[in-house]
Amino acid sequence: MWVKPRFRLQRTTSGAARLRFATARAALWGLVLAAYGLAIQAAGAGAAWGSDHDDTPELKTIPRHDARITDFFAFTRGDRLVLVLCTDPTIPATATDYQYARDLTLRFHVDNDSDVTFGDPAADATYGGTIVRPERVHAEVVFEVTFDKGRGAELRLEGLPESARRDIQMFAGLRDDPFIRGPRQGRNVAAVVLEMPLQLVLGPRPVLVLWSTSKVPEMHGPQCELGGRSLRSQFAENLGLNTLPPWKHFEVLGVPPDVVIFDTSRPAVFPNGRELADDVVDMVGDRRVLDTDAPFPSTNDVPFLEQFPYLAPPHRR
């Protein structure tokens, strides 16, 4: 049962064959996505409520705004990894508290085994690197967050021993919207923040492939929204990315997976991970967002915190 959020005011083949197969399937999907995209453009998808999304029309229609992902961040503080997932761009500016719905599931996915190469200037600038076998992207570690009215946010681990829980710090609640964008100044979002030792999730390489998903029972399938690289899947031509897992982005749509590539041996600066202070609107430079960014901020409207949970406290009106 939906409890509305309350406010208080694997198959191996050659690379060429995989590409031909993906391209053929992408052509079939293109017919569907073209019509889908025209509808979104007519509705004003370029409004960009969040740096990942103002998409997934089904969630707006239901409506389940609480499952709409607005931002996904991945960065380090010393030897600790920080993951931030923001949702619900429709929280009233006058809200003073936020209660997550009990049937909402949020997941942080960590692939610590995929081989990623660097050196292609276009791919590095656009995606943060090149995933060698995109059809094999798979999460070795998953952090699943659910919500209970009495106990609050609950964390479930996949791919880690239960003892790892004591090393993970979690926050869930109302915070300032960290998206550096004019129309979002003075607004709040629902945010889940995880912090943990980086070594807890690292695999044989220092590179992590990361993404986030949301799920509500009204929509079928394993996910109803995906948060990956900033300012990608919210646009009409990429809407099909949201309801497919990353490995199917290549298999079905013929495009690189919508994920965050984070080489943890280097500082997090978009598109290598994503820091809170990254002004992705300017970094990406898409006119559909730039032209509607007034008053064109380059920093957040309130200072971020130096300590956990790092996002600024919510605005109070």
Protein backbone atom coordinates (compact mmCIF):
# COMPACT_ATOMS: atom_id res chain seq x y z
CA MET A 1 0.00 0.00 0.00
CA TRP A 2 1.24 3.45 -0.86
CA VAL A 3 1.58 5.81 2.04
CA LYS A 4 1.98 9.29 0.60
CA PRO A 5 5.03 11.24 1.85
CA ARG A 6 3.85 13.62 4.53
CA PHE A 7 5.00 17.20 4.95
CA ARG A 8 4.82 19.30 7.97
CA LEU A 9 4.52 22.78 6.74
CA GLN A 10 25.42 -12.65 -20.13
CA ARG A 11 26.45 -13.91 -23.39
CA THR A 12 30.02 -13.51 -24.77
CA THR A 13 30.55 -12.58 -28.40
CA SER A 14 32.87 -10.37 -30.41
CA GLY A 15 32.90 -6.61 -29.92
CA ALA A 16 31.78 -6.00 -33.51
CA ALA A 17 28.91 -8.47 -33.20
CA ARG A 18 27.79 -6.96 -29.90
CA LEU A 19 27.77 -3.51 -31.48
CA ARG A 20 25.76 -4.66 -34.53
CA PHE A 21 23.26 -6.40 -32.28
CA ALA A 22 22.93 -3.39 -29.98
CA THR A 23 22.54 -1.04 -32.94
CA ALA A 24 19.76 -3.16 -34.43
CA ARG A 25 17.84 -3.25 -31.17
CA ALA A 26 18.41 0.46 -30.70
CA ALA A 27 16.73 1.13 -34.04
CA LEU A 28 13.61 -0.71 -32.87
CA TRP A 29 13.56 1.19 -29.61
CA GLY A 30 14.08 4.45 -31.45
CA LEU A 31 10.54 4.34 -32.82
CA VAL A 32 9.13 4.12 -29.32
CA LEU A 33 11.46 6.68 -27.79
CA ALA A 34 10.87 9.20 -30.55
CA ALA A 35 7.17 9.41 -29.76
CA TYR A 36 7.93 9.29 -26.05
CA GLY A 37 10.44 12.11 -26.37
CA LEU A 38 8.13 14.38 -28.35
CA ALA A 39 5.57 14.19 -25.56
CA ILE A 40 8.18 15.07 -22.97
CA GLN A 41 9.51 17.97 -25.00
CA ALA A 42 6.00 19.32 -25.29
CA ALA A 43 5.70 19.11 -21.50
CA GLY A 44 8.93 21.05 -21.02
CA ALA A 45 11.53 18.44 -20.06
CA GLY A 46 14.26 21.07 -20.26
CA ALA A 47 12.98 22.62 -17.04
CA ALA A 48 15.52 20.42 -15.20
CA TRP A 49 14.18 20.09 -11.67
CA GLY A 50 17.29 18.05 -10.89
CA SER A 51 20.65 17.45 -12.52
CA ASP A 52 19.79 13.86 -13.37
CA HIS A 53 16.10 14.02 -13.94
CA ASP A 54 12.91 15.75 -14.69
CA ASP A 55 11.72 12.64 -16.41
CA THR A 56 9.85 9.36 -15.96
CA PRO A 57 6.40 10.70 -16.88
CA GLU A 58 4.73 7.67 -15.26
CA LEU A 59 5.93 8.78 -11.83
CA LYS A 60 4.46 12.21 -12.41
CA THR A 61 1.15 10.77 -13.58
CA ILE A 62 0.65 8.28 -10.72
CA PRO A 63 1.79 10.60 -8.98
CA ARG A 64 4.86 9.31 -7.11
CA HIS A 65 7.14 12.32 -6.96
CA ASP A 66 8.89 10.77 -3.96
CA ALA A 67 10.46 8.20 -6.31
CA ARG A 68 11.78 10.81 -8.75
CA ILE A 69 15.57 10.95 -8.45
CA THR A 70 16.93 14.47 -8.72
CA ASP A 71 20.66 14.04 -8.02
CA PHE A 72 23.30 11.41 -7.38
CA PHE A 73 26.76 12.26 -6.02
CA ALA A 74 29.89 10.18 -5.39
CA PHE A 75 33.02 11.62 -3.77
CA THR A 76 35.53 10.92 -1.03
CA ARG A 77 36.42 12.54 2.25
CA GLY A 78 39.86 11.30 3.15
CA ASP A 79 39.75 7.51 2.97
CA ARG A 80 35.95 7.39 3.11
CA LEU A 81 33.45 7.14 0.27
CA VAL A 82 30.35 9.32 0.32
CA LEU A 83 27.25 8.56 -1.74
CA VAL A 84 24.32 10.98 -1.89
CA LEU A 85 20.91 10.28 -3.43
CA CYS A 86 18.34 13.09 -3.62
CA THR A 87 14.69 12.64 -4.52
CA ASP A 88 11.34 14.46 -4.77
CA PRO A 89 11.66 17.88 -6.45
CA THR A 90 8.10 18.82 -5.46
CA ILE A 91 8.61 19.29 -1.70
CA PRO A 92 6.93 22.59 -0.74
CA ALA A 93 9.31 25.37 0.20
CA THR A 94 7.42 25.69 3.49
CA ALA A 95 7.96 22.04 4.54
CA THR A 96 9.79 21.61 7.84
CA ASP A 97 9.94 17.81 7.90
CA TYR A 98 9.72 14.85 5.52
CA GLN A 99 8.45 11.33 6.01
CA TYR A 100 9.38 8.78 3.36
CA ALA A 101 6.68 6.44 2.06
CA ARG A 102 6.87 2.92 3.46
CA ASP A 103 6.64 1.32 0.01
CA LEU A 104 9.54 3.28 -1.50
CA THR A 105 12.84 1.46 -2.05
CA LEU A 106 16.06 3.29 -2.88
CA ARG A 107 19.21 1.47 -3.94
CA PHE A 108 22.86 2.45 -4.36
CA HIS A 109 24.61 0.10 -6.82
CA VAL A 110 28.39 -0.41 -6.81
CA ASP A 111 30.23 -2.26 -9.58
CA ASN A 112 33.83 -2.64 -8.41
CA ASP A 113 34.96 -5.12 -11.05
CA SER A 114 34.26 -3.60 -14.48
CA ASP A 115 37.32 -2.70 -16.52
CA VAL A 116 37.34 1.01 -17.37
CA THR A 117 39.87 2.69 -19.64
CA PHE A 118 40.85 6.34 -19.87
CA GLY A 119 42.49 8.19 -22.74
CA ASP A 120 39.65 8.78 -25.20
CA PRO A 121 39.16 12.56 -24.77
CA ALA A 122 35.53 12.53 -25.92
CA ALA A 123 34.50 9.56 -23.76
CA ASP A 124 36.43 10.85 -20.75
CA ALA A 125 34.80 14.26 -20.98
CA THR A 126 31.31 12.90 -21.58
CA TYR A 127 31.14 9.76 -19.46
CA GLY A 128 34.23 9.88 -17.25
CA GLY A 129 35.86 6.96 -19.08
CA THR A 130 35.10 3.95 -21.28
CA ILE A 131 33.63 0.73 -19.88
CA VAL A 132 35.33 -2.06 -21.81
CA ARG A 133 32.46 -4.56 -21.52
CA PRO A 134 29.32 -2.46 -20.93
CA GLU A 135 27.03 -5.48 -21.26
CA ARG A 136 28.70 -6.95 -18.18
CA VAL A 137 28.14 -4.04 -15.84
CA HIS A 138 26.77 -5.56 -12.65
CA ALA A 139 26.64 -4.47 -9.03
CA GLU A 140 28.82 -6.49 -6.69
CA VAL A 141 27.59 -4.38 -3.77
CA VAL A 142 24.11 -2.93 -3.22
CA PHE A 143 22.93 -0.68 -0.41
CA GLU A 144 19.14 -0.90 -0.16
CA VAL A 145 17.26 1.69 1.86
CA THR A 146 13.63 1.21 2.90
CA PHE A 147 11.49 3.15 5.30
CA ASP A 148 9.37 2.27 8.29
CA LYS A 149 7.10 4.73 10.06
CA GLY A 150 8.30 3.69 13.49
CA ARG A 151 11.97 2.93 12.86
CA GLY A 152 12.80 5.38 10.08
CA ALA A 153 15.29 4.46 7.34
CA GLU A 154 16.54 0.89 7.32
CA LEU A 155 19.67 -0.28 5.49
CA ARG A 156 20.10 -3.70 3.90
CA LEU A 157 23.42 -4.88 2.46
CA GLU A 158 24.07 -7.08 -0.55
CA GLY A 159 27.57 -8.31 -1.30
CA LEU A 160 28.97 -7.31 2.09
CA PRO A 161 29.03 -9.12 5.43
CA GLU A 162 26.50 -7.99 8.00
CA SER A 163 29.41 -6.86 10.18
CA ALA A 164 30.12 -4.09 7.64
CA ARG A 165 27.04 -2.26 8.86
CA ARG A 166 28.91 -0.84 11.84
CA ASP A 167 31.29 0.97 9.47
CA ILE A 168 28.50 2.70 7.52
CA GLN A 169 26.98 6.01 8.53
CA MET A 170 23.55 6.88 7.12
CA PHE A 171 21.35 9.97 7.05
CA ALA A 172 17.84 10.20 5.57
CA GLY A 173 15.69 13.28 5.65
CA LEU A 174 15.03 16.81 4.46
CA ARG A 175 18.01 18.85 3.21
CA ASP A 176 18.79 21.84 1.01
CA ASP A 177 18.69 20.93 -2.68
CA PRO A 178 22.41 20.65 -3.59
CA PHE A 179 21.80 21.07 -7.34
CA ILE A 180 23.59 24.30 -8.31
CA ARG A 181 20.86 25.75 -10.48
CA GLY A 182 18.95 29.02 -10.40
CA PRO A 183 15.38 27.68 -10.27
CA ARG A 184 16.30 25.36 -7.39
CA GLN A 185 17.70 28.01 -5.07
CA GLY A 186 15.87 28.08 -1.77
CA ARG A 187 14.32 24.62 -2.32
CA ASN A 188 14.63 21.38 -0.38
CA VAL A 189 14.82 17.70 -1.35
CA ALA A 190 14.68 14.37 0.42
CA ALA A 191 18.23 13.07 0.77
CA VAL A 192 19.87 9.79 1.72
CA VAL A 193 23.59 10.03 2.49
CA LEU A 194 25.89 7.03 3.04
CA GLU A 195 29.48 7.28 4.23
CA MET A 196 31.80 4.30 4.60
CA PRO A 197 35.47 3.29 4.37
CA LEU A 198 36.44 3.31 0.71
CA GLN A 199 38.21 -0.03 1.14
CA LEU A 200 34.89 -1.59 2.10
CA VAL A 201 33.66 -1.46 -1.51
CA LEU A 202 36.84 -1.35 -3.62
CA GLY A 203 37.59 -4.36 -5.78
CA PRO A 204 40.77 -5.23 -7.71
CA ARG A 205 40.90 -1.73 -9.25
CA PRO A 206 40.53 1.77 -7.82
CA VAL A 207 37.65 2.49 -10.23
CA LEU A 208 34.01 2.24 -9.19
CA VAL A 209 31.01 2.20 -11.52
CA LEU A 210 28.02 3.58 -9.62
CA TRP A 211 24.33 4.25 -10.11
CA SER A 212 21.16 4.62 -8.06
CA THR A 213 17.58 3.47 -8.52
CA SER A 214 14.16 3.96 -7.00
CA LYS A 215 11.25 1.53 -6.92
CA VAL A 216 7.55 1.80 -6.04
CA PRO A 217 4.96 -0.97 -6.48
CA GLU A 218 2.79 0.97 -8.94
CA MET A 219 5.41 0.50 -11.66
CA HIS A 220 6.47 -2.96 -12.79
CA GLY A 221 10.06 -4.07 -13.23
CA PRO A 222 13.13 -3.88 -11.00
CA GLN A 223 13.25 -0.07 -11.05
CA CYS A 224 11.14 2.92 -11.96
CA GLU A 225 13.90 5.55 -12.05
CA LEU A 226 17.68 5.50 -12.47
CA GLY A 227 20.20 8.10 -11.37
CA GLY A 228 23.55 7.99 -13.13
CA ARG A 229 25.64 10.66 -14.80
CA SER A 230 24.33 14.16 -14.28
CA LEU A 231 22.30 15.85 -17.03
CA ARG A 232 21.90 12.87 -19.30
CA SER A 233 18.79 10.74 -18.87
CA GLN A 234 16.43 13.63 -18.21
CA PHE A 235 16.43 14.64 -21.86
CA ALA A 236 13.91 13.33 -24.34
CA GLU A 237 16.41 11.39 -26.43
CA ASN A 238 17.63 9.48 -23.36
CA LEU A 239 14.42 8.76 -21.46
CA GLY A 240 14.66 5.05 -22.24
CA LEU A 241 17.66 4.83 -19.92
CA ASN A 242 15.57 5.31 -16.81
CA THR A 243 13.66 2.05 -16.67
CA LEU A 244 16.47 -0.22 -17.89
CA PRO A 245 19.45 -1.45 -15.85
CA PRO A 246 22.81 -0.10 -17.10
CA TRP A 247 23.92 -3.26 -18.90
CA LYS A 248 20.80 -3.07 -21.06
CA HIS A 249 21.57 0.52 -22.07
CA PHE A 250 24.17 -0.98 -24.39
CA GLU A 251 22.37 -4.21 -25.28
CA VAL A 252 18.99 -2.62 -26.01
CA LEU A 253 19.68 1.02 -26.83
CA GLY A 254 23.22 0.77 -28.18
CA VAL A 255 24.58 3.53 -25.90
CA PRO A 256 27.10 3.60 -23.03
CA PRO A 257 25.56 2.78 -19.64
CA ASP A 258 24.18 5.73 -17.68
CA VAL A 259 26.44 5.42 -14.64
CA VAL A 260 28.92 7.43 -12.62
CA ILE A 261 32.52 6.36 -13.28
CA PHE A 262 34.73 7.22 -10.32
CA ASP A 263 38.47 6.62 -10.37
CA THR A 264 39.06 6.92 -6.64
CA SER A 265 42.81 7.32 -7.12
CA ARG A 266 42.03 10.82 -8.45
CA PRO A 267 40.02 13.66 -6.89
CA ALA A 268 36.29 13.63 -7.53
CA VAL A 269 35.59 16.32 -10.14
CA PHE A 270 32.75 15.76 -12.59
CA PRO A 271 32.63 13.59 -14.64
CA ASN A 272 35.07 11.62 -12.45
CA GLY A 273 32.54 11.00 -9.71
CA ARG A 274 30.68 14.12 -8.69
CA GLU A 275 31.40 16.54 -5.85
CA LEU A 276 28.70 18.61 -4.19
CA ALA A 277 30.43 21.80 -5.38
CA ASP A 278 30.54 20.73 -9.06
CA ASP A 279 28.52 23.18 -11.14
CA VAL A 280 27.37 20.55 -13.61
CA VAL A 281 25.10 22.96 -15.49
CA ASP A 282 28.15 24.87 -16.70
CA MET A 283 30.35 21.76 -16.90
CA VAL A 284 27.95 19.95 -19.23
CA GLY A 285 27.01 23.10 -21.12
CA ASP A 286 23.71 21.91 -22.60
CA ARG A 287 21.80 24.96 -23.84
CA ARG A 288 18.49 23.40 -22.81
CA VAL A 289 19.58 23.86 -19.21
CA LEU A 290 21.96 26.79 -19.49
CA ASP A 291 19.35 29.06 -21.04
CA THR A 292 16.94 28.48 -18.15
CA ASP A 293 19.45 28.78 -15.31
CA ALA A 294 18.77 32.38 -14.20
CA PRO A 295 20.17 33.88 -12.03
CA PHE A 296 23.01 31.61 -13.27
CA PRO A 297 24.68 30.55 -9.99
CA SER A 298 28.15 28.97 -9.92
CA THR A 299 28.01 27.95 -6.24
CA ASN A 300 25.30 26.60 -3.99
CA ASP A 301 22.96 29.16 -2.48
CA VAL A 302 23.98 28.08 1.05
CA PRO A 303 27.34 26.61 2.18
CA PHE A 304 27.78 22.86 2.27
CA LEU A 305 28.82 21.29 5.57
CA GLU A 306 32.37 20.18 6.30
CA GLN A 307 31.10 17.16 8.22
CA PHE A 308 28.53 14.41 7.68
CA PRO A 309 25.94 14.56 6.10
CA TYR A 310 27.66 17.33 4.06
CA LEU A 311 24.46 18.69 2.50
CA ALA A 312 23.31 22.00 3.93
CA PRO A 313 20.36 22.00 6.36
CA PRO A 314 16.93 22.52 4.83
CA HIS A 315 15.53 25.96 4.16
CA ARG A 316 12.93 27.07 6.70
CA ARG A 317 10.18 29.48 5.69
